[in-house]
Amino acid sequence: MIKIVIAEDQGMMLGALGSLLNIEDDFEVIGMAKNGVEAVELVRELKPDICIMDIEMPLKTGLTAAEELKDIPCKIIILTTFARAGYFERARKVGVSGYLLKDSPIEELADSIRTIMSGRRIYAPELVDIIYDYEDSTENPLTDRESEVLKLVSEGKTTKEIANELYLSHGTVRNYISIILDKLNVKNRIEAISRFKEMGWFK
């Protein structure tokens, strides 16, 4: 019997996933978490074979939780709506056993769990081209001014403080930040700082 913990912050998705996987004769869902902190606690306490983890969860992201569980002999499957190169690359570095997309059929997830339990890794096919593009994009896409703005953001400065320091208007700084997020293909400032650090672009 393959013992499974599921971590997903959307209650309906969590319940449906648990019910569908429990139908399988060789699966048993032994725990369900609504955030990353609960996920880490359940995996350490229940010692499942597999933990299926969403990425964007409250308190702690799935990727952060997966990183904290590297010392546990539990295989981590990231199940997300985000086919993003940055997320996928970080997941690979953490050593997850699978990275799958939520629009995949439940049968595909079940088959992937069994394949992963046999010792293989499974990545959604849609991610193959994305990761090659990511690995090729080693040049910093930001201008010197954009890099300077992001550096100040990383130091914890507010939009107002950045505007004052660089003698810019608040609106101009907000525009710079919007351009930075777009160029780095991230959702927020924290992800932008993380991506910039990962690529070694901070001077």
C-alpha atoms as a PDB file:
ATOM      1  CA  MET A   1       0.000   0.000   0.000  1.00  0.00           C
ATOM      2  CA  ILE A   2       1.368   3.415  -1.010  1.00  0.00           C
ATOM      3  CA  LYS A   3       0.787   5.922   1.807  1.00  0.00           C
ATOM      4  CA  ILE A   4       0.111   9.485   0.650  1.00  0.00           C
ATOM      5  CA  VAL A   5      -0.057  12.954   2.216  1.00  0.00           C
ATOM      6  CA  ILE A   6      -1.650  15.748   0.176  1.00  0.00           C
ATOM      7  CA  ALA A   7      -0.901  19.455   0.718  1.00  0.00           C
ATOM      8  CA  GLU A   8      -3.295  21.847  -1.029  1.00  0.00           C
ATOM      9  CA  ASP A   9      -4.765  25.129   0.213  1.00  0.00           C
ATOM     10  CA  GLN A  10      -7.985  24.939  -1.823  1.00  0.00           C
ATOM     11  CA  GLY A  11     -10.390  22.861   0.271  1.00  0.00           C
ATOM     12  CA  MET A  12     -12.460  21.538  -2.629  1.00  0.00           C
ATOM     13  CA  MET A  13      -9.363  20.458  -4.572  1.00  0.00           C
ATOM     14  CA  LEU A  14      -7.883  18.855  -1.463  1.00  0.00           C
ATOM     15  CA  GLY A  15     -11.037  16.831  -0.740  1.00  0.00           C
ATOM     16  CA  ALA A  16     -11.534  15.767  -4.355  1.00  0.00           C
ATOM     17  CA  LEU A  17      -7.925  14.695  -4.782  1.00  0.00           C
ATOM     18  CA  GLY A  18      -8.023  12.699  -1.557  1.00  0.00           C
ATOM     19  CA  SER A  19     -11.249  10.928  -2.546  1.00  0.00           C
ATOM     20  CA  LEU A  20     -10.052  10.105  -6.063  1.00  0.00           C
ATOM     21  CA  LEU A  21      -6.721   8.697  -4.900  1.00  0.00           C
ATOM     22  CA  ASN A  22      -8.334   6.646  -2.128  1.00  0.00           C
ATOM     23  CA  ILE A  23     -10.385   4.839  -4.789  1.00  0.00           C
ATOM     24  CA  GLU A  24      -7.170   3.215  -6.054  1.00  0.00           C
ATOM     25  CA  ASP A  25      -6.653  -0.216  -4.466  1.00  0.00           C
ATOM     26  CA  ASP A  26      -2.964   0.366  -3.759  1.00  0.00           C
ATOM     27  CA  PHE A  27      -3.228   3.945  -2.376  1.00  0.00           C
ATOM     28  CA  GLU A  28      -4.077   5.208   1.078  1.00  0.00           C
ATOM     29  CA  VAL A  29      -4.322   8.949   1.787  1.00  0.00           C
ATOM     30  CA  ILE A  30      -3.185   9.173   5.417  1.00  0.00           C
ATOM     31  CA  GLY A  31      -3.032  12.950   5.819  1.00  0.00           C
ATOM     32  CA  MET A  32      -4.200  16.229   4.248  1.00  0.00           C
ATOM     33  CA  ALA A  33      -2.615  19.640   4.851  1.00  0.00           C
ATOM     34  CA  LYS A  34      -3.953  23.097   3.995  1.00  0.00           C
ATOM     35  CA  ASN A  35      -0.613  24.906   4.066  1.00  0.00           C
ATOM     36  CA  GLY A  36       3.119  24.313   3.863  1.00  0.00           C
ATOM     37  CA  VAL A  37       3.692  24.268   7.620  1.00  0.00           C
ATOM     38  CA  GLU A  38       1.059  21.551   8.112  1.00  0.00           C
ATOM     39  CA  ALA A  39       2.584  19.600   5.221  1.00  0.00           C
ATOM     40  CA  VAL A  40       6.029  19.494   6.846  1.00  0.00           C
ATOM     41  CA  GLU A  41       4.526  18.497  10.202  1.00  0.00           C
ATOM     42  CA  LEU A  42       2.374  15.709   8.698  1.00  0.00           C
ATOM     43  CA  VAL A  43       5.195  14.239   6.629  1.00  0.00           C
ATOM     44  CA  ARG A  44       7.522  14.153   9.626  1.00  0.00           C
ATOM     45  CA  GLU A  45       4.817  12.676  11.855  1.00  0.00           C
ATOM     46  CA  LEU A  46       3.105  10.193   9.507  1.00  0.00           C
ATOM     47  CA  LYS A  47       6.119   9.195   7.363  1.00  0.00           C
ATOM     48  CA  PRO A  48       4.224   8.705   4.065  1.00  0.00           C
ATOM     49  CA  ASP A  49       5.761   7.231   0.911  1.00  0.00           C
ATOM     50  CA  ILE A  50       4.579  10.158  -1.212  1.00  0.00           C
ATOM     51  CA  CYS A  51       3.679  13.790  -0.501  1.00  0.00           C
ATOM     52  CA  ILE A  52       1.729  15.594  -3.219  1.00  0.00           C
ATOM     53  CA  MET A  53       2.404  19.298  -2.786  1.00  0.00           C
ATOM     54  CA  ASP A  54       0.927  22.467  -4.273  1.00  0.00           C
ATOM     55  CA  ILE A  55       3.359  25.376  -4.681  1.00  0.00           C
ATOM     56  CA  GLU A  56       1.508  28.524  -3.670  1.00  0.00           C
ATOM     57  CA  MET A  57       0.182  27.824  -0.179  1.00  0.00           C
ATOM     58  CA  PRO A  58      -0.170  29.990   2.944  1.00  0.00           C
ATOM     59  CA  LEU A  59       2.539  30.170   5.644  1.00  0.00           C
ATOM     60  CA  LYS A  60       5.065  28.220   3.580  1.00  0.00           C
ATOM     61  CA  THR A  61       5.257  27.452  -0.152  1.00  0.00           C
ATOM     62  CA  GLY A  62       5.378  23.898  -1.420  1.00  0.00           C
ATOM     63  CA  LEU A  63       8.937  24.422  -2.682  1.00  0.00           C
ATOM     64  CA  THR A  64      10.118  25.674   0.707  1.00  0.00           C
ATOM     65  CA  ALA A  65       8.383  22.748   2.404  1.00  0.00           C
ATOM     66  CA  ALA A  66       9.974  20.304  -0.059  1.00  0.00           C
ATOM     67  CA  GLU A  67      13.384  21.777   0.699  1.00  0.00           C
ATOM     68  CA  GLU A  68      12.842  21.280   4.439  1.00  0.00           C
ATOM     69  CA  LEU A  69      11.879  17.644   3.842  1.00  0.00           C
ATOM     70  CA  LYS A  70      15.021  16.697   1.913  1.00  0.00           C
ATOM     71  CA  ASP A  71      16.219  14.634   4.868  1.00  0.00           C
ATOM     72  CA  ILE A  72      13.003  12.571   4.969  1.00  0.00           C
ATOM     73  CA  PRO A  73      12.711   9.390   2.828  1.00  0.00           C
ATOM     74  CA  CYS A  74       9.438  10.621   1.325  1.00  0.00           C
ATOM     75  CA  LYS A  75       9.111  11.272  -2.399  1.00  0.00           C
ATOM     76  CA  ILE A  76       7.729  14.741  -3.189  1.00  0.00           C
ATOM     77  CA  ILE A  77       5.450  15.401  -6.150  1.00  0.00           C
ATOM     78  CA  ILE A  78       4.744  19.025  -6.995  1.00  0.00           C
ATOM     79  CA  LEU A  79       1.215  19.341  -8.399  1.00  0.00           C
ATOM     80  CA  THR A  80       0.552  22.880  -9.600  1.00  0.00           C
ATOM     81  CA  THR A  81      -1.102  25.089 -12.195  1.00  0.00           C
ATOM     82  CA  PHE A  82       2.180  26.925 -12.758  1.00  0.00           C
ATOM     83  CA  ALA A  83       4.350  25.718 -15.658  1.00  0.00           C
ATOM     84  CA  ARG A  84       7.048  28.251 -14.793  1.00  0.00           C
ATOM     85  CA  ALA A  85      10.717  27.767 -15.508  1.00  0.00           C
ATOM     86  CA  GLY A  86      11.809  29.338 -12.220  1.00  0.00           C
ATOM     87  CA  TYR A  87       9.526  27.129 -10.142  1.00  0.00           C
ATOM     88  CA  PHE A  88      10.488  24.017 -12.100  1.00  0.00           C
ATOM     89  CA  GLU A  89      14.216  24.723 -11.868  1.00  0.00           C
ATOM     90  CA  ARG A  90      13.987  25.260  -8.101  1.00  0.00           C
ATOM     91  CA  ALA A  91      11.945  22.072  -7.725  1.00  0.00           C
ATOM     92  CA  ARG A  92      14.627  20.125  -9.596  1.00  0.00           C
ATOM     93  CA  LYS A  93      17.365  21.595  -7.404  1.00  0.00           C
ATOM     94  CA  VAL A  94      15.404  20.598  -4.297  1.00  0.00           C
ATOM     95  CA  GLY A  95      15.245  17.069  -5.707  1.00  0.00           C
ATOM     96  CA  VAL A  96      11.508  16.504  -6.063  1.00  0.00           C
ATOM     97  CA  SER A  97      10.518  13.230  -7.684  1.00  0.00           C
ATOM     98  CA  GLY A  98       7.747  14.684  -9.823  1.00  0.00           C
ATOM     99  CA  TYR A  99       6.458  17.988 -11.188  1.00  0.00           C
ATOM    100  CA  LEU A 100       2.976  17.660 -12.665  1.00  0.00           C
ATOM    101  CA  LEU A 101       0.258  20.067 -13.754  1.00  0.00           C
ATOM    102  CA  LYS A 102      -3.216  20.148 -12.243  1.00  0.00           C
ATOM    103  CA  ASP A 103      -4.958  19.883 -15.602  1.00  0.00           C
ATOM    104  CA  SER A 104      -3.624  16.326 -15.994  1.00  0.00           C
ATOM    105  CA  PRO A 105      -6.159  13.471 -15.668  1.00  0.00           C
ATOM    106  CA  ILE A 106      -6.295  11.713 -12.292  1.00  0.00           C
ATOM    107  CA  GLU A 107      -5.272   8.470 -14.032  1.00  0.00           C
ATOM    108  CA  GLU A 108      -2.063  10.133 -15.141  1.00  0.00           C
ATOM    109  CA  LEU A 109      -1.326  11.241 -11.582  1.00  0.00           C
ATOM    110  CA  ALA A 110      -1.981   7.732 -10.269  1.00  0.00           C
ATOM    111  CA  ASP A 111       0.322   6.190 -12.893  1.00  0.00           C
ATOM    112  CA  SER A 112       2.983   8.789 -12.100  1.00  0.00           C
ATOM    113  CA  ILE A 113       2.836   7.929  -8.387  1.00  0.00           C
ATOM    114  CA  ARG A 114       3.434   4.255  -9.159  1.00  0.00           C
ATOM    115  CA  THR A 115       6.271   5.079 -11.568  1.00  0.00           C
ATOM    116  CA  ILE A 116       7.914   7.372  -9.005  1.00  0.00           C
ATOM    117  CA  MET A 117       7.640   4.660  -6.351  1.00  0.00           C
ATOM    118  CA  SER A 118       9.599   2.400  -8.712  1.00  0.00           C
ATOM    119  CA  GLY A 119      12.500   4.862  -8.540  1.00  0.00           C
ATOM    120  CA  ARG A 120      11.971   7.113 -11.552  1.00  0.00           C
ATOM    121  CA  ARG A 121      11.267  10.846 -11.790  1.00  0.00           C
ATOM    122  CA  ILE A 122       8.303  12.242 -13.710  1.00  0.00           C
ATOM    123  CA  TYR A 123       8.081  15.761 -15.149  1.00  0.00           C
ATOM    124  CA  ALA A 124       5.172  17.173 -17.154  1.00  0.00           C
ATOM    125  CA  PRO A 125       6.119  17.122 -20.864  1.00  0.00           C
ATOM    126  CA  GLU A 126       5.107  20.792 -21.212  1.00  0.00           C
ATOM    127  CA  LEU A 127       8.080  21.722 -19.014  1.00  0.00           C
ATOM    128  CA  VAL A 128      10.829  20.251 -21.183  1.00  0.00           C
ATOM    129  CA  ASP A 129      11.051  23.160 -23.647  1.00  0.00           C
ATOM    130  CA  ILE A 130      10.560  25.680 -20.852  1.00  0.00           C
ATOM    131  CA  ILE A 131      13.559  24.450 -18.884  1.00  0.00           C
ATOM    132  CA  TYR A 132      15.836  24.461 -21.947  1.00  0.00           C
ATOM    133  CA  ASP A 133      14.830  28.061 -22.622  1.00  0.00           C
ATOM    134  CA  TYR A 134      15.459  28.880 -18.966  1.00  0.00           C
ATOM    135  CA  GLU A 135      18.925  27.365 -18.986  1.00  0.00           C
ATOM    136  CA  ASP A 136      19.788  29.278 -22.162  1.00  0.00           C
ATOM    137  CA  SER A 137      18.690  32.611 -20.674  1.00  0.00           C
ATOM    138  CA  THR A 138      21.871  33.346 -18.700  1.00  0.00           C
ATOM    139  CA  GLU A 139      22.004  37.034 -19.615  1.00  0.00           C
ATOM    140  CA  ASN A 140      20.547  39.536 -17.173  1.00  0.00           C
ATOM    141  CA  PRO A 141      17.475  40.928 -18.992  1.00  0.00           C
ATOM    142  CA  LEU A 142      17.318  44.057 -16.822  1.00  0.00           C
ATOM    143  CA  THR A 143      18.890  47.413 -17.595  1.00  0.00           C
ATOM    144  CA  ASP A 144      21.332  48.936 -15.114  1.00  0.00           C
ATOM    145  CA  ARG A 145      18.598  51.196 -13.759  1.00  0.00           C
ATOM    146  CA  GLU A 146      16.126  48.290 -13.391  1.00  0.00           C
ATOM    147  CA  SER A 147      18.800  46.246 -11.627  1.00  0.00           C
ATOM    148  CA  GLU A 148      19.461  49.182  -9.312  1.00  0.00           C
ATOM    149  CA  VAL A 149      15.748  49.445  -8.466  1.00  0.00           C
ATOM    150  CA  LEU A 150      15.538  45.703  -7.730  1.00  0.00           C
ATOM    151  CA  LYS A 151      18.637  45.893  -5.533  1.00  0.00           C
ATOM    152  CA  LEU A 152      16.967  48.604  -3.453  1.00  0.00           C
ATOM    153  CA  VAL A 153      13.788  46.503  -3.283  1.00  0.00           C
ATOM    154  CA  SER A 154      15.879  43.580  -2.001  1.00  0.00           C
ATOM    155  CA  GLU A 155      17.213  45.850   0.760  1.00  0.00           C
ATOM    156  CA  GLY A 156      13.647  46.297   1.986  1.00  0.00           C
ATOM    157  CA  LYS A 157      13.162  49.854   0.759  1.00  0.00           C
ATOM    158  CA  THR A 158       9.642  51.065  -0.012  1.00  0.00           C
ATOM    159  CA  THR A 159       8.562  52.582  -3.318  1.00  0.00           C
ATOM    160  CA  LYS A 160       8.698  56.025  -1.707  1.00  0.00           C
ATOM    161  CA  GLU A 161      12.213  55.475  -0.361  1.00  0.00           C
ATOM    162  CA  ILE A 162      13.444  54.216  -3.732  1.00  0.00           C
ATOM    163  CA  ALA A 163      11.882  57.215  -5.465  1.00  0.00           C
ATOM    164  CA  ASN A 164      13.616  59.610  -3.074  1.00  0.00           C
ATOM    165  CA  GLU A 165      16.993  57.870  -3.364  1.00  0.00           C
ATOM    166  CA  LEU A 166      16.959  57.751  -7.172  1.00  0.00           C
ATOM    167  CA  TYR A 167      15.235  61.134  -7.630  1.00  0.00           C
ATOM    168  CA  LEU A 168      12.295  59.561  -9.439  1.00  0.00           C
ATOM    169  CA  SER A 169       8.541  59.879  -9.085  1.00  0.00           C
ATOM    170  CA  HIS A 170       6.569  57.175  -7.265  1.00  0.00           C
ATOM    171  CA  GLY A 171       4.824  56.318 -10.547  1.00  0.00           C
ATOM    172  CA  THR A 172       8.132  55.843 -12.363  1.00  0.00           C
ATOM    173  CA  VAL A 173       9.377  53.473  -9.666  1.00  0.00           C
ATOM    174  CA  ARG A 174       6.126  51.488  -9.840  1.00  0.00           C
ATOM    175  CA  ASN A 175       6.542  51.278 -13.622  1.00  0.00           C
ATOM    176  CA  TYR A 176      10.103  50.022 -13.213  1.00  0.00           C
ATOM    177  CA  ILE A 177       8.932  47.333 -10.791  1.00  0.00           C
ATOM    178  CA  SER A 178       6.159  46.252 -13.174  1.00  0.00           C
ATOM    179  CA  ILE A 179       8.686  45.978 -16.029  1.00  0.00           C
ATOM    180  CA  ILE A 180      11.073  44.004 -13.802  1.00  0.00           C
ATOM    181  CA  LEU A 181       8.374  41.457 -12.885  1.00  0.00           C
ATOM    182  CA  ASP A 182       7.424  41.098 -16.545  1.00  0.00           C
ATOM    183  CA  LYS A 183      11.009  40.632 -17.743  1.00  0.00           C
ATOM    184  CA  LEU A 184      11.789  38.063 -15.054  1.00  0.00           C
ATOM    185  CA  ASN A 185       8.449  36.282 -15.595  1.00  0.00           C
ATOM    186  CA  VAL A 186       7.544  36.371 -11.901  1.00  0.00           C
ATOM    187  CA  LYS A 187       4.442  37.403  -9.930  1.00  0.00           C
ATOM    188  CA  ASN A 188       5.834  39.553  -7.156  1.00  0.00           C
ATOM    189  CA  ARG A 189       8.898  41.288  -5.732  1.00  0.00           C
ATOM    190  CA  ILE A 190       9.941  38.349  -3.563  1.00  0.00           C
ATOM    191  CA  GLU A 191      10.029  36.012  -6.580  1.00  0.00           C
ATOM    192  CA  ALA A 192      11.960  38.645  -8.548  1.00  0.00           C
ATOM    193  CA  ILE A 193      14.626  38.926  -5.843  1.00  0.00           C
ATOM    194  CA  SER A 194      14.833  35.126  -5.561  1.00  0.00           C
ATOM    195  CA  ARG A 195      15.230  34.667  -9.339  1.00  0.00           C
ATOM    196  CA  PHE A 196      17.846  37.418  -9.546  1.00  0.00           C
ATOM    197  CA  LYS A 197      19.847  35.836  -6.716  1.00  0.00           C
ATOM    198  CA  GLU A 198      19.544  32.343  -8.222  1.00  0.00           C
ATOM    199  CA  MET A 199      21.021  33.565 -11.497  1.00  0.00           C
ATOM    200  CA  GLY A 200      23.854  35.415  -9.745  1.00  0.00           C
ATOM    201  CA  TRP A 201      22.949  38.797 -11.253  1.00  0.00           C
ATOM    202  CA  PHE A 202      23.289  40.844  -8.055  1.00  0.00           C
ATOM    203  CA  LYS A 203      26.647  42.611  -8.109  1.00  0.00           C
END
